[in-house]
Amino acid sequence: MSKKNSTALGTEPISKLLIKQAVPASIGILVMSLNMIVDTIFVGRWIGPLAISAITVVIPITFFIAAIGLAVGIGGSSVLSRALGSGDDDKALRVFGNQITLTFLISGLLAASGLIFQDTLIEFFGADDSFKDMALTYYRIVLYGIVMLAMCMMGNNVIRAEGKPKFAMYAMILPAIGNIGMDYLLINVLDYGMEGAAWATFISYAICFAFIVWFFIFKSELRVVAECLKLKRKIVSEISGLSAVTLARQGVISILTILLNNVLISYGDALDVATYGIISRMLMFALFPVIGVTQGFMPIASYNYGADKYDRVRETINISILYAGGLALAIFIIIMAVPDFFVSWFISNSNADAQGLADNKVLIERTPNALRWVFAATPVIVIQLIGAAYFQAIGKAVPALLLSLTKQGFFLIPLILILPRFLGVWGVWISFPIADVLSTVVTGYYLNREVKTNLAVQEEG
């Protein structure tokens, strides 16, 4: 197995490596988030505001299933990167083979269960009678392809762990372009409505899956044979311990979405759910460079930790926080200055009936201020993101899990349960910056302690 790409993670300058890893990851995330933005714009403009509510309810369910692949991909890639760093190529191959098997089996089982209990799940995640039928239409079709998405999420992280971030970027760009094109054709040209939006998403999953398969057949350093696909208890245990971090985080996000949708319906209405749908798309879109730096950080930190190059690990932490912090500050300034500009993307009064015009007016009034509050603590979140990613990268599952859950699990969910009782829907929006600040303080403390004690001791040793 050639190590031409992976060995560069332990030799090239950290700044250069981080840019090489983070820029393709950022571009891929940008295109993927633009895909989600455009998807939401299309359904909002061509179907109606309640279609945004329908997608907002469905996405967390489908993404929780697909997150099996993301979890196994990130957790397994940490093990794989450290194996490559220590020169254990055989273990790296077996880890990848077990990642394939785990992702396929678990996501397939969850997809089947999701189809069986579709009505219950849609209602549980906050759909009311005004948009339940649209949500079910979208949900059924998307779920048919969810195993492909899970395999793509897993494969994308392995590609990045190999030191080939450009191919990981292509795996995100190609399906996004396909989805946008199919959205236009199926929704606007052929007028298939929510069914068209769903089939466009399904086709995008198939495009991504085809590219991932092509990569691992023709371009990958990892040449998996049938023997590697057999689950091994020790490898599964290693993968599972770290995968649990991502899966738990995604599970908490799904619980948070259930809570948010139901709280917004209780203290507001379906258009408040649409407001959150717009904000959630903007979160991924606006933060794409910060998330890209975080993704670029992980394989560099993992590889060098596995290679006992602790000085490079420390340097990777410092440079990643510096780069991500500058980007986060720029994002904060833009969002605070022109939130109305971003909200206007999702709303069109052309061809709208009287009810549609009224709904659009309400969204224009509500969303910009809510967007400002949700992004109010953006400059400080990089410490939380890099800190949690660091512990996952070096294989410390418990602190990685706890720090990953601090924002959504330990702070945001309790705040959303409490504040709206006194402040109504506004209490939902101000819960976000409060949770950001609190989770950053906690993560910063543990990251600083880790660097000054355990990492410093290993450097000296």
Protein backbone atom coordinates (compact mmCIF):
# COMPACT_ATOMS: atom_id res chain seq x y z
CA MET A 1 0.00 0.00 0.00
CA SER A 2 1.50 3.33 -1.08
CA LYS A 3 1.85 5.95 1.66
CA LYS A 4 2.86 8.86 -0.58
CA ASN A 5 -0.06 11.03 0.48
CA SER A 6 -0.52 10.00 4.10
CA THR A 7 3.14 10.41 5.12
CA ALA A 8 3.01 14.09 4.15
CA LEU A 9 0.79 14.63 7.20
CA GLY A 10 3.84 14.04 9.39
CA THR A 11 6.46 15.99 7.44
CA GLU A 12 5.06 19.09 5.72
CA PRO A 13 4.75 22.43 7.56
CA ILE A 14 1.55 22.60 9.62
CA SER A 15 0.29 25.83 8.06
CA LYS A 16 0.70 24.41 4.57
CA LEU A 17 -0.91 21.12 5.58
CA LEU A 18 -3.85 22.81 7.24
CA ILE A 19 -4.53 24.92 4.17
CA LYS A 20 -4.25 21.84 1.93
CA GLN A 21 -6.68 19.95 4.14
CA ALA A 22 -9.04 22.78 5.10
CA VAL A 23 -9.54 24.53 1.76
CA PRO A 24 -10.93 21.48 -0.10
CA ALA A 25 -12.99 20.55 2.97
CA SER A 26 -14.33 24.11 3.16
CA ILE A 27 -15.16 24.19 -0.54
CA GLY A 28 -16.92 20.85 -0.27
CA ILE A 29 -18.92 22.02 2.75
CA LEU A 30 -19.70 25.31 1.01
CA VAL A 31 -21.07 23.55 -2.06
CA MET A 32 -23.00 21.06 0.07
CA SER A 33 -24.46 23.85 2.19
CA LEU A 34 -25.27 25.87 -0.94
CA ASN A 35 -27.05 22.77 -2.16
CA MET A 36 -29.16 22.72 1.01
CA ILE A 37 -29.71 26.48 0.73
CA VAL A 38 -30.78 26.24 -2.91
CA ASP A 39 -32.96 23.23 -2.13
CA THR A 40 -34.71 25.26 0.57
CA ILE A 41 -34.94 28.33 -1.70
CA PHE A 42 -36.51 26.26 -4.47
CA VAL A 43 -39.16 24.66 -2.27
CA GLY A 44 -39.81 27.97 -0.49
CA ARG A 45 -40.23 29.92 -3.72
CA TRP A 46 -41.85 27.26 -5.94
CA ILE A 47 -43.89 25.24 -3.44
CA GLY A 48 -44.40 27.57 -0.45
CA PRO A 49 -43.16 28.47 3.06
CA LEU A 50 -44.75 25.39 4.61
CA ALA A 51 -42.60 23.24 2.35
CA ILE A 52 -39.60 24.66 4.26
CA SER A 53 -41.28 23.52 7.47
CA ALA A 54 -41.75 20.04 5.98
CA ILE A 55 -38.07 19.70 5.05
CA THR A 56 -37.01 21.10 8.44
CA VAL A 57 -38.92 18.27 10.14
CA VAL A 58 -37.65 15.51 7.83
CA ILE A 59 -33.94 16.35 7.56
CA PRO A 60 -33.00 15.53 11.20
CA ILE A 61 -34.58 12.07 10.92
CA THR A 62 -32.83 11.16 7.69
CA PHE A 63 -29.55 12.72 8.78
CA PHE A 64 -29.56 10.79 12.03
CA ILE A 65 -29.62 7.56 10.01
CA ALA A 66 -26.99 8.87 7.59
CA ALA A 67 -24.94 9.98 10.61
CA ILE A 68 -24.12 6.31 11.18
CA GLY A 69 -21.79 6.69 8.23
CA LEU A 70 -20.50 10.02 9.49
CA ALA A 71 -19.86 8.57 12.95
CA VAL A 72 -18.15 5.42 11.70
CA GLY A 73 -16.23 7.54 9.20
CA ILE A 74 -14.90 10.06 11.72
CA GLY A 75 -14.32 7.55 14.54
CA GLY A 76 -12.78 4.92 12.30
CA SER A 77 -10.66 7.45 10.46
CA SER A 78 -9.10 8.53 13.75
CA VAL A 79 -8.03 4.92 14.32
CA LEU A 80 -6.99 4.59 10.67
CA SER A 81 -4.90 7.80 10.67
CA ARG A 82 -3.05 6.79 13.83
CA ALA A 83 -2.43 3.34 12.32
CA LEU A 84 -0.95 4.95 9.21
CA GLY A 85 1.11 7.28 11.40
CA SER A 86 2.57 4.36 13.32
CA GLY A 87 3.22 2.36 10.12
CA ASP A 88 0.60 -0.35 10.75
CA ASP A 89 -0.83 -0.62 7.22
CA ASP A 90 -2.55 -3.96 7.86
CA LYS A 91 -4.58 -2.51 10.71
CA ALA A 92 -5.53 0.48 8.55
CA LEU A 93 -6.97 -1.87 5.91
CA ARG A 94 -8.92 -3.87 8.47
CA VAL A 95 -10.31 -0.72 10.05
CA PHE A 96 -11.58 0.48 6.68
CA GLY A 97 -13.15 -2.90 5.90
CA ASN A 98 -14.95 -2.90 9.24
CA GLN A 99 -16.13 0.66 8.61
CA ILE A 100 -17.80 -0.48 5.38
CA THR A 101 -19.58 -3.39 7.04
CA LEU A 102 -20.73 -1.45 10.10
CA THR A 103 -22.08 1.45 8.05
CA PHE A 104 -24.01 -0.76 5.65
CA LEU A 105 -25.57 -2.99 8.30
CA ILE A 106 -26.59 -0.34 10.84
CA SER A 107 -27.84 2.29 8.39
CA GLY A 108 -29.80 -0.36 6.48
CA LEU A 109 -31.52 -1.54 9.64
CA LEU A 110 -32.38 2.01 10.70
CA ALA A 111 -33.67 2.90 7.22
CA ALA A 112 -36.03 -0.08 7.25
CA SER A 113 -37.26 0.86 10.72
CA GLY A 114 -37.72 4.46 9.61
CA LEU A 115 -40.01 3.41 6.78
CA ILE A 116 -42.06 1.14 9.04
CA PHE A 117 -42.64 3.87 11.65
CA GLN A 118 -42.78 6.85 9.30
CA ASP A 119 -46.07 8.36 10.50
CA THR A 120 -45.09 8.21 14.16
CA LEU A 121 -41.64 9.67 13.51
CA ILE A 122 -42.91 12.57 11.39
CA GLU A 123 -45.40 13.60 14.09
CA PHE A 124 -42.85 13.10 16.85
CA PHE A 125 -40.40 15.44 15.11
CA GLY A 126 -42.94 18.24 15.12
CA ALA A 127 -45.06 18.02 11.95
CA ASP A 128 -48.60 19.30 12.33
CA ASP A 129 -51.57 18.87 9.99
CA SER A 130 -50.69 21.96 7.96
CA PHE A 131 -47.60 20.33 6.42
CA LYS A 132 -47.59 16.65 7.49
CA ASP A 133 -48.53 15.28 4.06
CA MET A 134 -45.73 17.23 2.37
CA ALA A 135 -43.27 16.00 5.00
CA LEU A 136 -44.28 12.36 4.48
CA THR A 137 -43.94 12.65 0.70
CA TYR A 138 -40.41 13.98 1.02
CA TYR A 139 -39.44 11.58 3.81
CA ARG A 140 -40.42 8.31 2.07
CA ILE A 141 -38.47 8.94 -1.10
CA VAL A 142 -35.36 10.32 0.61
CA LEU A 143 -35.23 7.36 2.96
CA TYR A 144 -34.96 4.96 0.00
CA GLY A 145 -31.48 6.33 -0.68
CA ILE A 146 -30.31 6.98 2.85
CA VAL A 147 -27.94 3.96 2.98
CA MET A 148 -26.07 5.43 0.01
CA LEU A 149 -25.71 8.72 1.89
CA ALA A 150 -24.40 6.91 4.96
CA MET A 151 -21.79 5.11 2.86
CA CYS A 152 -20.79 8.43 1.29
CA MET A 153 -20.35 10.11 4.67
CA MET A 154 -18.19 7.25 5.87
CA GLY A 155 -16.11 7.13 2.69
CA ASN A 156 -15.58 10.89 2.59
CA ASN A 157 -13.84 10.86 5.98
CA VAL A 158 -11.63 7.93 4.98
CA ILE A 159 -10.57 9.78 1.82
CA ARG A 160 -9.55 12.75 3.97
CA ALA A 161 -7.68 10.45 6.38
CA GLU A 162 -5.64 9.16 3.42
CA GLY A 163 -4.41 12.70 2.82
CA LYS A 164 -6.47 13.23 -0.36
CA PRO A 165 -8.78 16.11 0.56
CA LYS A 166 -9.40 17.17 -3.05
CA PHE A 167 -11.19 13.91 -3.78
CA ALA A 168 -13.23 14.35 -0.60
CA MET A 169 -14.17 17.78 -1.94
CA TYR A 170 -15.24 16.32 -5.29
CA ALA A 171 -17.43 13.80 -3.46
CA MET A 172 -19.36 16.73 -1.95
CA ILE A 173 -19.45 18.97 -5.01
CA LEU A 174 -20.71 16.49 -7.61
CA PRO A 175 -23.94 15.45 -5.82
CA ALA A 176 -24.64 19.08 -4.89
CA ILE A 177 -24.49 20.14 -8.53
CA GLY A 178 -26.67 17.17 -9.48
CA ASN A 179 -29.24 18.00 -6.80
CA ILE A 180 -29.51 21.65 -7.85
CA GLY A 181 -29.98 20.68 -11.50
CA MET A 182 -32.56 18.02 -10.69
CA ASP A 183 -34.37 20.40 -8.31
CA TYR A 184 -34.80 22.90 -11.11
CA LEU A 185 -35.97 20.25 -13.57
CA LEU A 186 -38.32 18.31 -11.29
CA ILE A 187 -39.80 21.18 -9.25
CA ASN A 188 -39.83 24.17 -11.59
CA VAL A 189 -39.98 22.64 -15.06
CA LEU A 190 -41.98 19.45 -14.48
CA ASP A 191 -43.92 20.79 -11.46
CA TYR A 192 -43.59 17.62 -9.35
CA GLY A 193 -43.64 19.60 -6.08
CA MET A 194 -42.36 17.88 -2.94
CA GLU A 195 -42.05 14.59 -4.78
CA GLY A 196 -39.70 16.26 -7.25
CA ALA A 197 -37.62 17.75 -4.44
CA ALA A 198 -37.33 14.31 -2.84
CA TRP A 199 -36.29 12.52 -6.04
CA ALA A 200 -33.71 15.23 -6.72
CA THR A 201 -32.20 14.51 -3.30
CA PHE A 202 -32.26 10.75 -3.94
CA ILE A 203 -30.43 11.21 -7.24
CA SER A 204 -27.78 13.34 -5.53
CA TYR A 205 -27.12 10.51 -3.06
CA ALA A 206 -26.68 8.08 -5.96
CA ILE A 207 -24.19 10.42 -7.68
CA CYS A 208 -22.11 10.72 -4.52
CA PHE A 209 -22.17 6.96 -3.91
CA ALA A 210 -21.03 6.25 -7.47
CA PHE A 211 -18.07 8.63 -7.06
CA ILE A 212 -17.06 7.12 -3.69
CA VAL A 213 -17.09 3.60 -5.18
CA TRP A 214 -15.03 4.81 -8.15
CA PHE A 215 -12.45 6.41 -5.84
CA PHE A 216 -11.88 3.33 -3.70
CA ILE A 217 -11.58 1.11 -6.77
CA PHE A 218 -9.21 3.27 -8.80
CA LYS A 219 -7.57 5.96 -6.63
CA SER A 220 -7.37 4.82 -3.02
CA GLU A 221 -4.27 3.62 -1.20
CA LEU A 222 -6.54 1.22 0.69
CA ARG A 223 -7.10 -2.03 -1.19
CA VAL A 224 -9.68 -3.88 0.87
CA VAL A 225 -10.17 -7.62 0.34
CA ALA A 226 -13.10 -9.71 1.56
CA GLU A 227 -11.24 -10.76 4.71
CA CYS A 228 -11.09 -7.13 5.87
CA LEU A 229 -14.89 -6.84 5.74
CA LYS A 230 -15.31 -9.40 8.53
CA LEU A 231 -16.05 -7.64 11.81
CA LYS A 232 -13.31 -7.98 14.42
CA ARG A 233 -14.27 -7.32 18.01
CA LYS A 234 -11.18 -5.30 18.90
CA ILE A 235 -11.41 -3.09 15.81
CA VAL A 236 -15.16 -2.64 16.17
CA SER A 237 -14.61 -1.65 19.80
CA GLU A 238 -12.04 0.99 18.82
CA ILE A 239 -14.22 2.37 16.05
CA SER A 240 -17.35 2.32 18.18
CA GLY A 241 -15.79 4.16 21.12
CA LEU A 242 -14.87 7.14 18.94
CA SER A 243 -17.87 6.85 16.62
CA ALA A 244 -20.11 7.16 19.65
CA VAL A 245 -18.91 10.75 19.98
CA THR A 246 -20.27 11.77 16.57
CA LEU A 247 -23.35 9.58 16.84
CA ALA A 248 -24.23 10.90 20.28
CA ARG A 249 -23.77 14.45 19.03
CA GLN A 250 -26.06 13.76 16.07
CA GLY A 251 -28.55 12.03 18.35
CA VAL A 252 -28.61 15.05 20.64
CA ILE A 253 -29.06 17.30 17.59
CA SER A 254 -32.04 15.19 16.55
CA ILE A 255 -33.50 15.43 20.06
CA LEU A 256 -32.83 19.16 19.99
CA THR A 257 -34.69 19.44 16.67
CA ILE A 258 -37.67 17.56 18.06
CA LEU A 259 -37.70 19.90 21.02
CA LEU A 260 -37.20 23.03 18.90
CA ASN A 261 -39.96 22.15 16.46
CA ASN A 262 -42.41 21.36 19.24
CA VAL A 263 -41.49 24.41 21.34
CA LEU A 264 -41.78 26.68 18.31
CA ILE A 265 -45.19 25.21 17.49
CA SER A 266 -46.29 25.55 21.14
CA TYR A 267 -45.13 29.15 21.67
CA GLY A 268 -45.41 30.26 18.05
CA ASP A 269 -46.65 28.59 14.85
CA ALA A 270 -45.54 26.66 11.75
CA LEU A 271 -43.85 29.76 10.34
CA ASP A 272 -41.52 29.84 13.34
CA VAL A 273 -40.48 26.32 12.31
CA ALA A 274 -39.82 27.72 8.82
CA THR A 275 -37.73 30.49 10.42
CA TYR A 276 -35.61 27.88 12.15
CA GLY A 277 -35.39 25.97 8.85
CA ILE A 278 -33.83 29.04 7.23
CA ILE A 279 -31.49 29.62 10.19
CA SER A 280 -30.32 26.00 10.27
CA ARG A 281 -29.39 26.21 6.59
CA MET A 282 -27.54 29.46 7.23
CA LEU A 283 -25.60 27.94 10.13
CA MET A 284 -23.95 25.38 7.87
CA PHE A 285 -23.58 27.79 4.97
CA ALA A 286 -22.06 30.66 6.93
CA LEU A 287 -19.76 28.52 9.07
CA PHE A 288 -18.38 26.46 6.18
CA PRO A 289 -14.78 27.75 6.49
CA VAL A 290 -14.71 27.18 10.26
CA ILE A 291 -16.02 23.64 9.86
CA GLY A 292 -13.51 23.13 7.05
CA VAL A 293 -10.62 24.08 9.32
CA THR A 294 -11.96 21.70 11.98
CA GLN A 295 -12.15 18.85 9.46
CA GLY A 296 -8.70 19.68 8.15
CA PHE A 297 -7.34 19.72 11.70
CA MET A 298 -8.39 16.18 12.60
CA PRO A 299 -6.30 14.00 10.23
CA ILE A 300 -3.19 16.14 10.87
CA ALA A 301 -3.58 15.87 14.65
CA SER A 302 -4.39 12.13 14.49
CA TYR A 303 -1.48 11.22 12.25
CA ASN A 304 1.12 13.18 14.21
CA TYR A 305 -0.19 11.92 17.55
CA GLY A 306 0.11 8.36 16.23
CA ALA A 307 3.64 9.15 15.04
CA ASP A 308 4.59 10.57 18.50
CA LYS A 309 5.23 14.02 17.01
CA TYR A 310 3.62 15.91 19.86
CA ASP A 311 5.21 19.26 19.05
CA ARG A 312 3.41 19.14 15.70
CA VAL A 313 0.15 18.28 17.45
CA ARG A 314 0.47 21.36 19.67
CA GLU A 315 1.29 23.53 16.65
CA THR A 316 -1.73 22.14 14.79
CA ILE A 317 -4.03 23.12 17.67
CA ASN A 318 -2.68 26.67 17.86
CA ILE A 319 -2.73 27.37 14.14
CA SER A 320 -6.19 25.84 13.69
CA ILE A 321 -7.68 28.03 16.45
CA LEU A 322 -5.99 31.12 14.97
CA TYR A 323 -7.24 30.50 11.42
CA ALA A 324 -10.73 29.43 12.46
CA GLY A 325 -11.07 32.33 14.90
CA GLY A 326 -10.30 34.91 12.22
CA LEU A 327 -12.83 33.35 9.87
CA ALA A 328 -15.49 33.18 12.58
CA LEU A 329 -15.05 36.87 13.37
CA ALA A 330 -15.52 37.82 9.71
CA ILE A 331 -18.68 35.69 9.51
CA PHE A 332 -20.07 37.33 12.65
CA ILE A 333 -19.58 40.83 11.23
CA ILE A 334 -21.32 39.97 7.94
CA ILE A 335 -24.33 38.30 9.59
CA MET A 336 -24.80 41.16 12.04
CA ALA A 337 -24.61 43.72 9.22
CA VAL A 338 -26.94 42.25 6.58
CA PRO A 339 -29.23 39.47 7.92
CA ASP A 340 -32.11 40.70 5.74
CA PHE A 341 -30.07 40.02 2.62
CA PHE A 342 -29.74 36.33 3.46
CA VAL A 343 -33.38 35.93 4.48
CA SER A 344 -34.52 37.42 1.16
CA TRP A 345 -32.98 34.44 -0.67
CA PHE A 346 -35.70 32.13 0.59
CA ILE A 347 -38.76 34.25 -0.12
CA SER A 348 -40.49 35.21 -3.35
CA ASN A 349 -43.82 36.98 -3.77
CA SER A 350 -44.16 36.08 -7.44
CA ASN A 351 -47.01 33.65 -8.12
CA ALA A 352 -47.93 33.66 -4.41
CA ASP A 353 -51.58 33.66 -3.36
CA ALA A 354 -52.93 35.85 -0.57
CA GLN A 355 -51.98 33.34 2.14
CA GLY A 356 -48.51 32.92 0.65
CA LEU A 357 -47.96 36.68 0.61
CA ALA A 358 -49.04 36.89 4.24
CA ASP A 359 -46.73 34.04 5.24
CA ASN A 360 -43.79 35.61 3.39
CA LYS A 361 -44.37 38.93 5.17
CA VAL A 362 -44.28 37.19 8.55
CA LEU A 363 -41.01 35.39 7.69
CA ILE A 364 -39.40 38.65 6.58
CA GLU A 365 -40.38 40.26 9.89
CA ARG A 366 -39.28 37.42 12.16
CA THR A 367 -36.19 35.82 10.68
CA PRO A 368 -33.47 38.56 10.53
CA ASN A 369 -33.55 39.29 14.28
CA ALA A 370 -33.63 35.58 15.11
CA LEU A 371 -30.66 35.04 12.79
CA ARG A 372 -28.65 37.73 14.59
CA TRP A 373 -29.29 36.15 18.00
CA VAL A 374 -28.35 32.63 16.86
CA PHE A 375 -25.02 33.93 15.46
CA ALA A 376 -24.32 36.33 18.34
CA ALA A 377 -21.50 34.24 19.89
CA THR A 378 -19.93 33.03 16.63
CA PRO A 379 -16.43 34.48 17.32
CA VAL A 380 -15.87 32.20 20.33
CA ILE A 381 -17.19 28.87 19.03
CA VAL A 382 -13.91 27.81 17.41
CA ILE A 383 -12.43 26.81 20.76
CA GLN A 384 -15.35 24.48 21.36
CA LEU A 385 -15.10 22.95 17.88
CA ILE A 386 -11.33 22.46 17.83
CA GLY A 387 -11.24 21.30 21.45
CA ALA A 388 -13.82 18.55 20.96
CA ALA A 389 -12.20 17.54 17.65
CA TYR A 390 -8.77 17.28 19.30
CA PHE A 391 -9.84 14.67 21.86
CA GLN A 392 -11.59 12.67 19.14
CA ALA A 393 -8.53 12.90 16.87
CA ILE A 394 -6.19 11.45 19.52
CA GLY A 395 -8.56 8.65 20.47
CA LYS A 396 -9.80 9.88 23.87
CA ALA A 397 -13.44 8.96 23.45
CA VAL A 398 -14.88 9.97 26.83
CA PRO A 399 -13.69 13.60 26.94
CA ALA A 400 -14.44 13.92 23.22
CA LEU A 401 -17.99 12.71 23.83
CA LEU A 402 -18.61 14.97 26.81
CA LEU A 403 -17.19 18.07 25.13
CA SER A 404 -19.11 17.37 21.93
CA LEU A 405 -22.33 17.31 23.92
CA THR A 406 -21.71 20.43 26.00
CA LYS A 407 -23.45 22.93 23.71
CA GLN A 408 -26.53 21.02 22.55
CA GLY A 409 -26.91 18.50 25.34
CA PHE A 410 -25.79 20.16 28.55
CA PHE A 411 -26.73 23.77 27.85
CA LEU A 412 -28.94 24.38 24.80
CA ILE A 413 -31.64 21.79 25.50
CA PRO A 414 -32.17 22.89 29.13
CA LEU A 415 -32.22 26.55 28.07
CA ILE A 416 -34.84 25.87 25.40
CA LEU A 417 -36.95 24.04 27.95
CA ILE A 418 -36.75 26.95 30.42
CA LEU A 419 -36.43 30.31 28.66
CA PRO A 420 -39.48 30.14 26.32
CA ARG A 421 -41.70 29.71 29.38
CA PHE A 422 -40.82 33.28 30.30
CA LEU A 423 -39.79 34.86 27.00
CA GLY A 424 -41.78 32.98 24.38
CA VAL A 425 -40.17 32.29 20.99
CA TRP A 426 -37.46 34.90 21.69
CA GLY A 427 -36.28 32.63 24.49
CA VAL A 428 -35.47 29.99 21.87
CA TRP A 429 -33.22 32.31 19.88
CA ILE A 430 -31.24 33.73 22.81
CA SER A 431 -30.60 30.21 24.08
CA PHE A 432 -28.11 29.70 21.23
CA PRO A 433 -25.49 32.36 22.13
CA ILE A 434 -25.76 31.56 25.84
CA ALA A 435 -25.08 27.88 25.11
CA ASP A 436 -22.19 28.82 22.80
CA VAL A 437 -20.46 30.89 25.48
CA LEU A 438 -20.93 28.33 28.25
CA SER A 439 -19.72 25.39 26.14
CA THR A 440 -16.69 27.40 24.97
CA VAL A 441 -15.67 28.14 28.57
CA VAL A 442 -15.90 24.46 29.52
CA THR A 443 -14.07 23.19 26.41
CA GLY A 444 -11.39 25.87 26.67
CA TYR A 445 -10.62 24.84 30.23
CA TYR A 446 -10.17 21.14 29.39
CA LEU A 447 -8.24 21.76 26.18
CA ASN A 448 -5.84 24.10 27.98
CA ARG A 449 -5.33 21.57 30.76
CA GLU A 450 -4.69 18.78 28.25
CA VAL A 451 -2.11 20.81 26.34
CA LYS A 452 -0.29 22.01 29.46
CA THR A 453 -0.19 18.65 31.20
CA ASN A 454 -0.59 15.44 29.17
CA LEU A 455 0.65 16.77 25.82
CA ALA A 456 3.55 18.67 27.37
CA VAL A 457 4.63 15.58 29.34
CA GLN A 458 4.60 13.44 26.22
CA GLU A 459 6.66 16.06 24.35
CA GLU A 460 9.30 16.01 27.09
CA GLY A 461 9.28 12.20 27.25
